Amino acid sequence: MFFVVGATAHFGRQAVDALLAAGQPVRALTRRPESAGLPAGAEVVVGDLTSEESLVQALSGVEAIFLVLPYQMDVAPLVAAARRTGVRRIVFLSSGAVVDGSATQPDVIAQYHRDVELAIEESGIEWTFLRLLFPAINSLTFAMQLAGGDVIRAAYGQASASVVHENDVAEVAAAVLPGGHAGKVYDLTGPASLTQVDQVAILGAALGRPLVFEELDDAPVRAQMANFMDPAFINALFDLMAATVGKPAQVNSVVEDLTGHAPRGYAEWVTDHLADFS
């Protein structure tokens, strides 16, 4: 039995589908099963990530966990429950911001994810880490602006990323959960390095709209977003973007090596999400 934490969120929801498509038994964790909207083939269980005892019940008979955590969620109750119930492996969706070999990470995003990685490593449970830096779903933020016209305003138009389709992340998770990848760290990339300007051009072509990217100074954008998000998180995210300006993003073969197919391109991601931009 494979257990998905974050089953109603991006990546976790797609992992449920990928595991079912591969004929694997899936148990999905949720706090609200009545509104989870999970497919009929998945076993849906109620659990609370802050309660070790509720997780012990949910993990009975589980071989491996795919772990997608909200930022700053404490992983200790889950790790303790996994040890008690004999879970054999954990596959954790971590961040590409993590720097290997460093106890002190460069920002709060990297530090949180490395702390989770360490907690899993120290548990004695077999582990595999999937590190993801810039998922394609980040550009869903563009959708909020399109209702007002054809101009996308954002900072760092020349920031580069090899954006990754969430379905590729899910299929990689489904490929490694059965085992054979103990102690491996996989950096996931898309098929090409794209700037934000490139992404807007691709989005415009798919929508049949003459979209234009308008560069914003980052300081007021950071200040505005800090009104409703953790300022340290916002600064870390923007610093990561700033560091990629003028530098092509890494592209590797990990997705193809693990799934047997080339990673989906950004144009395909846009096609899959046209309803979000309409």
C-alpha atoms as a PDB file:
ATOM      1  CA  MET A   1       0.000   0.000   0.000  1.00  0.00           C
ATOM      2  CA  PHE A   2       1.280   3.445  -0.965  1.00  0.00           C
ATOM      3  CA  PHE A   3       0.286   6.400   1.173  1.00  0.00           C
ATOM      4  CA  VAL A   4       0.020   9.947  -0.183  1.00  0.00           C
ATOM      5  CA  VAL A   5       0.336  12.915   2.156  1.00  0.00           C
ATOM      6  CA  GLY A   6      -0.866  16.101   0.487  1.00  0.00           C
ATOM      7  CA  ALA A   7      -3.324  14.109  -1.621  1.00  0.00           C
ATOM      8  CA  THR A   8      -5.662  17.043  -2.221  1.00  0.00           C
ATOM      9  CA  ALA A   9      -2.886  19.511  -3.076  1.00  0.00           C
ATOM     10  CA  HIS A  10      -0.770  19.999  -6.180  1.00  0.00           C
ATOM     11  CA  PHE A  11       1.644  17.078  -6.769  1.00  0.00           C
ATOM     12  CA  GLY A  12      -0.062  14.838  -4.206  1.00  0.00           C
ATOM     13  CA  ARG A  13      -3.344  14.792  -6.120  1.00  0.00           C
ATOM     14  CA  GLN A  14      -1.540  13.968  -9.353  1.00  0.00           C
ATOM     15  CA  ALA A  15       0.479  11.273  -7.552  1.00  0.00           C
ATOM     16  CA  VAL A  16      -2.747   9.541  -6.533  1.00  0.00           C
ATOM     17  CA  ASP A  17      -3.766   9.447 -10.200  1.00  0.00           C
ATOM     18  CA  ALA A  18      -0.328   8.264 -11.347  1.00  0.00           C
ATOM     19  CA  LEU A  19      -0.236   5.436  -8.814  1.00  0.00           C
ATOM     20  CA  LEU A  20      -3.736   4.284  -9.730  1.00  0.00           C
ATOM     21  CA  ALA A  21      -2.823   4.407 -13.428  1.00  0.00           C
ATOM     22  CA  ALA A  22       0.151   2.155 -12.634  1.00  0.00           C
ATOM     23  CA  GLY A  23      -2.151  -0.326 -10.902  1.00  0.00           C
ATOM     24  CA  GLN A  24      -0.801   0.399  -7.438  1.00  0.00           C
ATOM     25  CA  PRO A  25      -2.896   0.421  -4.256  1.00  0.00           C
ATOM     26  CA  VAL A  26      -3.259   3.970  -2.935  1.00  0.00           C
ATOM     27  CA  ARG A  27      -4.316   5.355   0.414  1.00  0.00           C
ATOM     28  CA  ALA A  28      -4.840   9.120   0.518  1.00  0.00           C
ATOM     29  CA  LEU A  29      -4.693  11.212   3.671  1.00  0.00           C
ATOM     30  CA  THR A  30      -7.142  14.043   4.185  1.00  0.00           C
ATOM     31  CA  ARG A  31      -8.689  15.968   7.044  1.00  0.00           C
ATOM     32  CA  ARG A  32     -11.978  16.410   5.184  1.00  0.00           C
ATOM     33  CA  PRO A  33     -12.903  13.327   3.136  1.00  0.00           C
ATOM     34  CA  GLU A  34     -16.318  14.729   2.225  1.00  0.00           C
ATOM     35  CA  SER A  35     -14.709  17.491   0.162  1.00  0.00           C
ATOM     36  CA  ALA A  36     -11.509  15.741  -0.966  1.00  0.00           C
ATOM     37  CA  GLY A  37     -12.749  14.904  -4.475  1.00  0.00           C
ATOM     38  CA  LEU A  38     -10.356  11.956  -4.775  1.00  0.00           C
ATOM     39  CA  PRO A  39     -10.879   9.198  -7.365  1.00  0.00           C
ATOM     40  CA  ALA A  40     -12.943   6.164  -6.448  1.00  0.00           C
ATOM     41  CA  GLY A  41      -9.954   3.825  -6.750  1.00  0.00           C
ATOM     42  CA  ALA A  42      -8.152   5.480  -3.840  1.00  0.00           C
ATOM     43  CA  GLU A  43      -8.736   4.504  -0.245  1.00  0.00           C
ATOM     44  CA  VAL A  44      -9.393   7.768   1.585  1.00  0.00           C
ATOM     45  CA  VAL A  45      -8.486   7.979   5.281  1.00  0.00           C
ATOM     46  CA  VAL A  46      -8.874  10.749   7.810  1.00  0.00           C
ATOM     47  CA  GLY A  47      -5.775  11.933   9.618  1.00  0.00           C
ATOM     48  CA  ASP A  48      -4.105  14.961  11.113  1.00  0.00           C
ATOM     49  CA  LEU A  49      -0.427  15.674  10.411  1.00  0.00           C
ATOM     50  CA  THR A  50      -0.087  17.190  13.867  1.00  0.00           C
ATOM     51  CA  SER A  51      -1.359  14.020  15.611  1.00  0.00           C
ATOM     52  CA  GLU A  52       0.936  11.003  15.769  1.00  0.00           C
ATOM     53  CA  GLU A  53      -1.875   8.768  17.027  1.00  0.00           C
ATOM     54  CA  SER A  54      -4.211   9.590  14.142  1.00  0.00           C
ATOM     55  CA  LEU A  55      -1.371   8.904  11.722  1.00  0.00           C
ATOM     56  CA  VAL A  56      -0.584   5.535  13.310  1.00  0.00           C
ATOM     57  CA  GLN A  57      -4.098   4.403  12.466  1.00  0.00           C
ATOM     58  CA  ALA A  58      -3.890   5.772   8.931  1.00  0.00           C
ATOM     59  CA  LEU A  59      -0.499   4.147   8.236  1.00  0.00           C
ATOM     60  CA  SER A  60      -1.439   0.583   9.165  1.00  0.00           C
ATOM     61  CA  GLY A  61      -0.220  -1.736   6.408  1.00  0.00           C
ATOM     62  CA  VAL A  62       1.553   1.026   4.443  1.00  0.00           C
ATOM     63  CA  GLU A  63       4.799   0.175   2.638  1.00  0.00           C
ATOM     64  CA  ALA A  64       5.835   3.621   1.400  1.00  0.00           C
ATOM     65  CA  ILE A  65       4.832   7.277   1.759  1.00  0.00           C
ATOM     66  CA  PHE A  66       4.881  10.053  -0.814  1.00  0.00           C
ATOM     67  CA  LEU A  67       5.205  13.174   1.267  1.00  0.00           C
ATOM     68  CA  VAL A  68       4.089  16.613   0.072  1.00  0.00           C
ATOM     69  CA  LEU A  69       4.141  19.077   2.961  1.00  0.00           C
ATOM     70  CA  PRO A  70       2.890  22.626   3.290  1.00  0.00           C
ATOM     71  CA  TYR A  71       5.705  25.012   4.131  1.00  0.00           C
ATOM     72  CA  GLN A  72       6.641  24.997   7.844  1.00  0.00           C
ATOM     73  CA  MET A  73       4.587  21.894   8.686  1.00  0.00           C
ATOM     74  CA  ASP A  74       6.282  19.821  11.409  1.00  0.00           C
ATOM     75  CA  VAL A  75       7.177  16.386  10.054  1.00  0.00           C
ATOM     76  CA  ALA A  76       7.976  14.832  13.466  1.00  0.00           C
ATOM     77  CA  PRO A  77       4.512  13.289  14.139  1.00  0.00           C
ATOM     78  CA  LEU A  78       4.483  11.600  10.733  1.00  0.00           C
ATOM     79  CA  VAL A  79       8.028  10.268  11.063  1.00  0.00           C
ATOM     80  CA  ALA A  80       7.273   8.894  14.522  1.00  0.00           C
ATOM     81  CA  ALA A  81       4.091   7.219  13.287  1.00  0.00           C
ATOM     82  CA  ALA A  82       5.916   5.778  10.271  1.00  0.00           C
ATOM     83  CA  ARG A  83       8.526   4.206  12.539  1.00  0.00           C
ATOM     84  CA  ARG A  84       5.875   2.725  14.814  1.00  0.00           C
ATOM     85  CA  THR A  85       3.948   1.161  11.940  1.00  0.00           C
ATOM     86  CA  GLY A  86       6.920  -0.242  10.034  1.00  0.00           C
ATOM     87  CA  VAL A  87       6.782   1.976   6.953  1.00  0.00           C
ATOM     88  CA  ARG A  88       9.703   0.928   4.780  1.00  0.00           C
ATOM     89  CA  ARG A  89      10.397   4.083   2.779  1.00  0.00           C
ATOM     90  CA  ILE A  90       9.542   7.765   2.445  1.00  0.00           C
ATOM     91  CA  VAL A  91       9.717   9.718  -0.794  1.00  0.00           C
ATOM     92  CA  PHE A  92       9.768  13.420   0.049  1.00  0.00           C
ATOM     93  CA  LEU A  93       9.084  16.253  -2.384  1.00  0.00           C
ATOM     94  CA  SER A  94      11.788  18.673  -1.298  1.00  0.00           C
ATOM     95  CA  SER A  95      13.156  21.938  -2.681  1.00  0.00           C
ATOM     96  CA  GLY A  96      15.826  22.500  -5.290  1.00  0.00           C
ATOM     97  CA  ALA A  97      17.007  25.394  -3.124  1.00  0.00           C
ATOM     98  CA  VAL A  98      18.658  22.929  -0.716  1.00  0.00           C
ATOM     99  CA  VAL A  99      22.449  23.053  -0.750  1.00  0.00           C
ATOM    100  CA  ASP A 100      24.082  19.691  -0.091  1.00  0.00           C
ATOM    101  CA  GLY A 101      26.777  19.454   2.551  1.00  0.00           C
ATOM    102  CA  SER A 102      25.694  22.569   4.419  1.00  0.00           C
ATOM    103  CA  ALA A 103      24.213  22.502   7.911  1.00  0.00           C
ATOM    104  CA  THR A 104      23.127  26.122   7.590  1.00  0.00           C
ATOM    105  CA  GLN A 105      21.128  26.701   4.428  1.00  0.00           C
ATOM    106  CA  PRO A 106      21.089  29.980   2.479  1.00  0.00           C
ATOM    107  CA  ASP A 107      17.437  30.864   3.074  1.00  0.00           C
ATOM    108  CA  VAL A 108      14.318  29.819   4.975  1.00  0.00           C
ATOM    109  CA  ILE A 109      12.933  27.750   2.088  1.00  0.00           C
ATOM    110  CA  ALA A 110      16.111  25.679   1.814  1.00  0.00           C
ATOM    111  CA  GLN A 111      16.482  25.442   5.602  1.00  0.00           C
ATOM    112  CA  TYR A 112      12.953  24.150   6.166  1.00  0.00           C
ATOM    113  CA  HIS A 113      13.242  21.492   3.479  1.00  0.00           C
ATOM    114  CA  ARG A 114      16.699  20.397   4.592  1.00  0.00           C
ATOM    115  CA  ASP A 115      15.443  20.106   8.176  1.00  0.00           C
ATOM    116  CA  VAL A 116      12.665  17.801   6.964  1.00  0.00           C
ATOM    117  CA  GLU A 117      15.179  15.782   4.960  1.00  0.00           C
ATOM    118  CA  LEU A 118      17.376  15.388   8.045  1.00  0.00           C
ATOM    119  CA  ALA A 119      14.448  14.263  10.183  1.00  0.00           C
ATOM    120  CA  ILE A 120      13.660  11.574   7.618  1.00  0.00           C
ATOM    121  CA  GLU A 121      17.300  10.517   7.274  1.00  0.00           C
ATOM    122  CA  GLU A 122      17.691  10.234  11.047  1.00  0.00           C
ATOM    123  CA  SER A 123      14.550   8.100  11.350  1.00  0.00           C
ATOM    124  CA  GLY A 124      16.299   5.059   9.917  1.00  0.00           C
ATOM    125  CA  ILE A 125      13.562   4.675   7.312  1.00  0.00           C
ATOM    126  CA  GLU A 126      14.694   4.244   3.712  1.00  0.00           C
ATOM    127  CA  TRP A 127      14.361   7.547   1.869  1.00  0.00           C
ATOM    128  CA  THR A 128      14.427   9.191  -1.547  1.00  0.00           C
ATOM    129  CA  PHE A 129      14.276  12.961  -2.070  1.00  0.00           C
ATOM    130  CA  LEU A 130      12.794  14.638  -5.134  1.00  0.00           C
ATOM    131  CA  ARG A 131      14.001  18.229  -5.309  1.00  0.00           C
ATOM    132  CA  LEU A 132      11.975  20.726  -7.281  1.00  0.00           C
ATOM    133  CA  LEU A 133      12.876  24.387  -7.701  1.00  0.00           C
ATOM    134  CA  PHE A 134      10.352  26.112  -9.993  1.00  0.00           C
ATOM    135  CA  PRO A 135       7.168  24.156 -10.788  1.00  0.00           C
ATOM    136  CA  ALA A 136       5.084  25.269 -13.747  1.00  0.00           C
ATOM    137  CA  ILE A 137       2.135  25.899 -11.421  1.00  0.00           C
ATOM    138  CA  ASN A 138       3.921  29.030 -10.151  1.00  0.00           C
ATOM    139  CA  SER A 139       2.716  30.798 -13.273  1.00  0.00           C
ATOM    140  CA  LEU A 140      -0.894  30.332 -12.207  1.00  0.00           C
ATOM    141  CA  THR A 141      -0.286  33.712 -10.560  1.00  0.00           C
ATOM    142  CA  PHE A 142      -0.447  35.184 -14.072  1.00  0.00           C
ATOM    143  CA  ALA A 143      -4.101  34.138 -14.320  1.00  0.00           C
ATOM    144  CA  MET A 144      -5.189  36.691 -11.739  1.00  0.00           C
ATOM    145  CA  GLN A 145      -3.947  39.514 -13.973  1.00  0.00           C
ATOM    146  CA  LEU A 146      -5.481  38.333 -17.235  1.00  0.00           C
ATOM    147  CA  ALA A 147      -9.018  39.305 -16.250  1.00  0.00           C
ATOM    148  CA  GLY A 148      -7.904  42.925 -16.437  1.00  0.00           C
ATOM    149  CA  GLY A 149      -6.152  42.875 -19.800  1.00  0.00           C
ATOM    150  CA  ASP A 150      -3.262  41.461 -21.785  1.00  0.00           C
ATOM    151  CA  VAL A 151      -0.381  42.752 -19.663  1.00  0.00           C
ATOM    152  CA  ILE A 152       1.407  40.514 -17.165  1.00  0.00           C
ATOM    153  CA  ARG A 153       3.282  42.600 -14.606  1.00  0.00           C
ATOM    154  CA  ALA A 154       5.973  40.941 -12.509  1.00  0.00           C
ATOM    155  CA  ALA A 155       9.551  41.268 -11.343  1.00  0.00           C
ATOM    156  CA  TYR A 156      12.468  39.424 -12.949  1.00  0.00           C
ATOM    157  CA  GLY A 157      11.202  38.923 -16.471  1.00  0.00           C
ATOM    158  CA  GLN A 158      14.598  37.443 -17.428  1.00  0.00           C
ATOM    159  CA  ALA A 159      14.675  35.000 -14.516  1.00  0.00           C
ATOM    160  CA  SER A 160      15.231  31.524 -15.962  1.00  0.00           C
ATOM    161  CA  ALA A 161      13.690  28.219 -14.914  1.00  0.00           C
ATOM    162  CA  SER A 162      13.292  24.742 -16.352  1.00  0.00           C
ATOM    163  CA  VAL A 163       9.707  24.607 -15.124  1.00  0.00           C
ATOM    164  CA  VAL A 164       8.296  21.167 -14.305  1.00  0.00           C
ATOM    165  CA  HIS A 165       4.795  19.860 -14.989  1.00  0.00           C
ATOM    166  CA  GLU A 166       3.156  18.495 -11.850  1.00  0.00           C
ATOM    167  CA  ASN A 167       2.218  15.313 -13.734  1.00  0.00           C
ATOM    168  CA  ASP A 168       5.914  14.595 -14.297  1.00  0.00           C
ATOM    169  CA  VAL A 169       6.585  15.026 -10.592  1.00  0.00           C
ATOM    170  CA  ALA A 170       3.743  12.626  -9.838  1.00  0.00           C
ATOM    171  CA  GLU A 171       4.954  10.013 -12.307  1.00  0.00           C
ATOM    172  CA  VAL A 172       8.479  10.187 -10.896  1.00  0.00           C
ATOM    173  CA  ALA A 173       7.041   9.642  -7.421  1.00  0.00           C
ATOM    174  CA  ALA A 174       5.032   6.656  -8.663  1.00  0.00           C
ATOM    175  CA  ALA A 175       8.183   5.221 -10.246  1.00  0.00           C
ATOM    176  CA  VAL A 176      10.360   5.434  -7.130  1.00  0.00           C
ATOM    177  CA  LEU A 177       7.823   4.522  -4.417  1.00  0.00           C
ATOM    178  CA  PRO A 178       8.075   0.746  -5.060  1.00  0.00           C
ATOM    179  CA  GLY A 179      11.776   0.884  -4.115  1.00  0.00           C
ATOM    180  CA  GLY A 180      15.216   0.623  -5.611  1.00  0.00           C
ATOM    181  CA  HIS A 181      16.099   4.269  -5.028  1.00  0.00           C
ATOM    182  CA  ALA A 182      17.242   4.282  -1.406  1.00  0.00           C
ATOM    183  CA  GLY A 183      19.406   7.254  -0.484  1.00  0.00           C
ATOM    184  CA  LYS A 184      18.966   8.908  -3.868  1.00  0.00           C
ATOM    185  CA  VAL A 185      18.435  12.636  -4.403  1.00  0.00           C
ATOM    186  CA  TYR A 186      16.832  13.508  -7.722  1.00  0.00           C
ATOM    187  CA  ASP A 187      16.747  17.070  -9.047  1.00  0.00           C
ATOM    188  CA  LEU A 188      13.698  17.392 -11.279  1.00  0.00           C
ATOM    189  CA  THR A 189      13.741  19.697 -14.297  1.00  0.00           C
ATOM    190  CA  GLY A 190      11.615  20.398 -17.313  1.00  0.00           C
ATOM    191  CA  PRO A 191      12.873  20.017 -20.892  1.00  0.00           C
ATOM    192  CA  ALA A 192      14.055  23.598 -21.465  1.00  0.00           C
ATOM    193  CA  SER A 193      15.233  26.753 -19.755  1.00  0.00           C
ATOM    194  CA  LEU A 194      12.607  29.497 -20.081  1.00  0.00           C
ATOM    195  CA  THR A 195      12.479  33.056 -18.823  1.00  0.00           C
ATOM    196  CA  GLN A 196       9.268  34.494 -17.452  1.00  0.00           C
ATOM    197  CA  VAL A 197       9.027  36.513 -20.666  1.00  0.00           C
ATOM    198  CA  ASP A 198       9.250  33.241 -22.624  1.00  0.00           C
ATOM    199  CA  GLN A 199       6.484  31.726 -20.513  1.00  0.00           C
ATOM    200  CA  VAL A 200       4.174  34.672 -21.113  1.00  0.00           C
ATOM    201  CA  ALA A 201       4.796  34.418 -24.880  1.00  0.00           C
ATOM    202  CA  ILE A 202       3.911  30.712 -24.842  1.00  0.00           C
ATOM    203  CA  LEU A 203       0.845  31.415 -22.733  1.00  0.00           C
ATOM    204  CA  GLY A 204      -0.281  34.156 -25.096  1.00  0.00           C
ATOM    205  CA  ALA A 205       0.096  31.901 -28.151  1.00  0.00           C
ATOM    206  CA  ALA A 206      -2.022  29.200 -26.498  1.00  0.00           C
ATOM    207  CA  LEU A 207      -4.718  31.660 -25.470  1.00  0.00           C
ATOM    208  CA  GLY A 208      -4.665  33.519 -28.779  1.00  0.00           C
ATOM    209  CA  ARG A 209      -4.024  36.777 -26.948  1.00  0.00           C
ATOM    210  CA  PRO A 210      -1.242  39.341 -27.526  1.00  0.00           C
ATOM    211  CA  LEU A 211       0.152  39.132 -24.016  1.00  0.00           C
ATOM    212  CA  VAL A 212       2.884  41.542 -22.986  1.00  0.00           C
ATOM    213  CA  PHE A 213       5.275  41.228 -20.057  1.00  0.00           C
ATOM    214  CA  GLU A 214       5.859  44.429 -18.103  1.00  0.00           C
ATOM    215  CA  GLU A 215       8.862  44.482 -15.776  1.00  0.00           C
ATOM    216  CA  LEU A 216       8.239  45.656 -12.221  1.00  0.00           C
ATOM    217  CA  ASP A 217      10.785  46.791  -9.663  1.00  0.00           C
ATOM    218  CA  ASP A 218      11.047  43.999  -7.127  1.00  0.00           C
ATOM    219  CA  ALA A 219      11.062  46.106  -3.946  1.00  0.00           C
ATOM    220  CA  PRO A 220       7.399  47.205  -3.978  1.00  0.00           C
ATOM    221  CA  VAL A 221       6.300  43.748  -5.115  1.00  0.00           C
ATOM    222  CA  ARG A 222       8.129  42.144  -2.192  1.00  0.00           C
ATOM    223  CA  ALA A 223       6.580  44.669   0.200  1.00  0.00           C
ATOM    224  CA  GLN A 224       3.082  44.114  -1.143  1.00  0.00           C
ATOM    225  CA  MET A 225       3.300  40.318  -0.965  1.00  0.00           C
ATOM    226  CA  ALA A 226       4.772  40.499   2.551  1.00  0.00           C
ATOM    227  CA  ASN A 227       1.430  41.900   3.694  1.00  0.00           C
ATOM    228  CA  PHE A 228      -0.165  38.474   3.352  1.00  0.00           C
ATOM    229  CA  MET A 229       2.785  36.044   3.269  1.00  0.00           C
ATOM    230  CA  ASP A 230       5.826  35.440   5.453  1.00  0.00           C
ATOM    231  CA  PRO A 231       8.348  38.190   4.499  1.00  0.00           C
ATOM    232  CA  ALA A 232      11.309  35.828   4.949  1.00  0.00           C
ATOM    233  CA  PHE A 233       9.682  33.341   2.563  1.00  0.00           C
ATOM    234  CA  ILE A 234       8.949  36.072   0.003  1.00  0.00           C
ATOM    235  CA  ASN A 235      12.506  37.386   0.159  1.00  0.00           C
ATOM    236  CA  ALA A 236      13.924  33.886  -0.213  1.00  0.00           C
ATOM    237  CA  LEU A 237      11.720  33.186  -3.240  1.00  0.00           C
ATOM    238  CA  PHE A 238      12.575  36.483  -4.906  1.00  0.00           C
ATOM    239  CA  ASP A 239      16.282  36.052  -4.179  1.00  0.00           C
ATOM    240  CA  LEU A 240      16.169  32.620  -5.827  1.00  0.00           C
ATOM    241  CA  MET A 241      14.584  34.191  -8.902  1.00  0.00           C
ATOM    242  CA  ALA A 242      17.023  37.093  -8.959  1.00  0.00           C
ATOM    243  CA  ALA A 243      19.949  34.678  -8.929  1.00  0.00           C
ATOM    244  CA  THR A 244      18.743  33.121 -12.197  1.00  0.00           C
ATOM    245  CA  VAL A 245      18.534  36.326 -14.223  1.00  0.00           C
ATOM    246  CA  GLY A 246      20.688  35.953 -17.313  1.00  0.00           C
ATOM    247  CA  LYS A 247      21.674  32.383 -16.378  1.00  0.00           C
ATOM    248  CA  PRO A 248      20.096  29.485 -18.261  1.00  0.00           C
ATOM    249  CA  ALA A 249      18.474  26.980 -15.914  1.00  0.00           C
ATOM    250  CA  GLN A 250      19.759  23.463 -15.463  1.00  0.00           C
ATOM    251  CA  VAL A 251      18.129  20.812 -17.645  1.00  0.00           C
ATOM    252  CA  ASN A 252      18.692  17.137 -16.958  1.00  0.00           C
ATOM    253  CA  SER A 253      17.348  13.716 -17.964  1.00  0.00           C
ATOM    254  CA  VAL A 254      16.002  12.637 -14.549  1.00  0.00           C
ATOM    255  CA  VAL A 255      12.322  12.689 -15.493  1.00  0.00           C
ATOM    256  CA  GLU A 256      12.956  10.674 -18.655  1.00  0.00           C
ATOM    257  CA  ASP A 257      15.289   8.271 -16.881  1.00  0.00           C
ATOM    258  CA  LEU A 258      12.691   7.493 -14.213  1.00  0.00           C
ATOM    259  CA  THR A 259       9.450   7.620 -16.206  1.00  0.00           C
ATOM    260  CA  GLY A 260      10.562   6.487 -19.653  1.00  0.00           C
ATOM    261  CA  HIS A 261       9.325   9.622 -21.392  1.00  0.00           C
ATOM    262  CA  ALA A 262      10.674  13.113 -21.947  1.00  0.00           C
ATOM    263  CA  PRO A 263       9.424  15.758 -19.508  1.00  0.00           C
ATOM    264  CA  ARG A 264       6.344  17.674 -20.586  1.00  0.00           C
ATOM    265  CA  GLY A 265       7.034  21.133 -21.960  1.00  0.00           C
ATOM    266  CA  TYR A 266       5.545  24.386 -20.742  1.00  0.00           C
ATOM    267  CA  ALA A 267       3.250  24.603 -23.777  1.00  0.00           C
ATOM    268  CA  GLU A 268       1.705  21.269 -22.800  1.00  0.00           C
ATOM    269  CA  TRP A 269       1.295  22.494 -19.239  1.00  0.00           C
ATOM    270  CA  VAL A 270      -0.520  25.589 -20.526  1.00  0.00           C
ATOM    271  CA  THR A 271      -2.814  23.438 -22.664  1.00  0.00           C
ATOM    272  CA  ASP A 272      -3.649  21.328 -19.614  1.00  0.00           C
ATOM    273  CA  HIS A 273      -4.482  24.497 -17.642  1.00  0.00           C
ATOM    274  CA  LEU A 274      -6.333  26.606 -20.205  1.00  0.00           C
ATOM    275  CA  ALA A 275      -9.409  26.657 -17.986  1.00  0.00           C
ATOM    276  CA  ASP A 276      -7.360  28.354 -15.255  1.00  0.00           C
ATOM    277  CA  PHE A 277      -6.534  31.220 -17.604  1.00  0.00           C
ATOM    278  CA  SER A 278      -9.916  31.646 -19.256  1.00  0.00           C
END
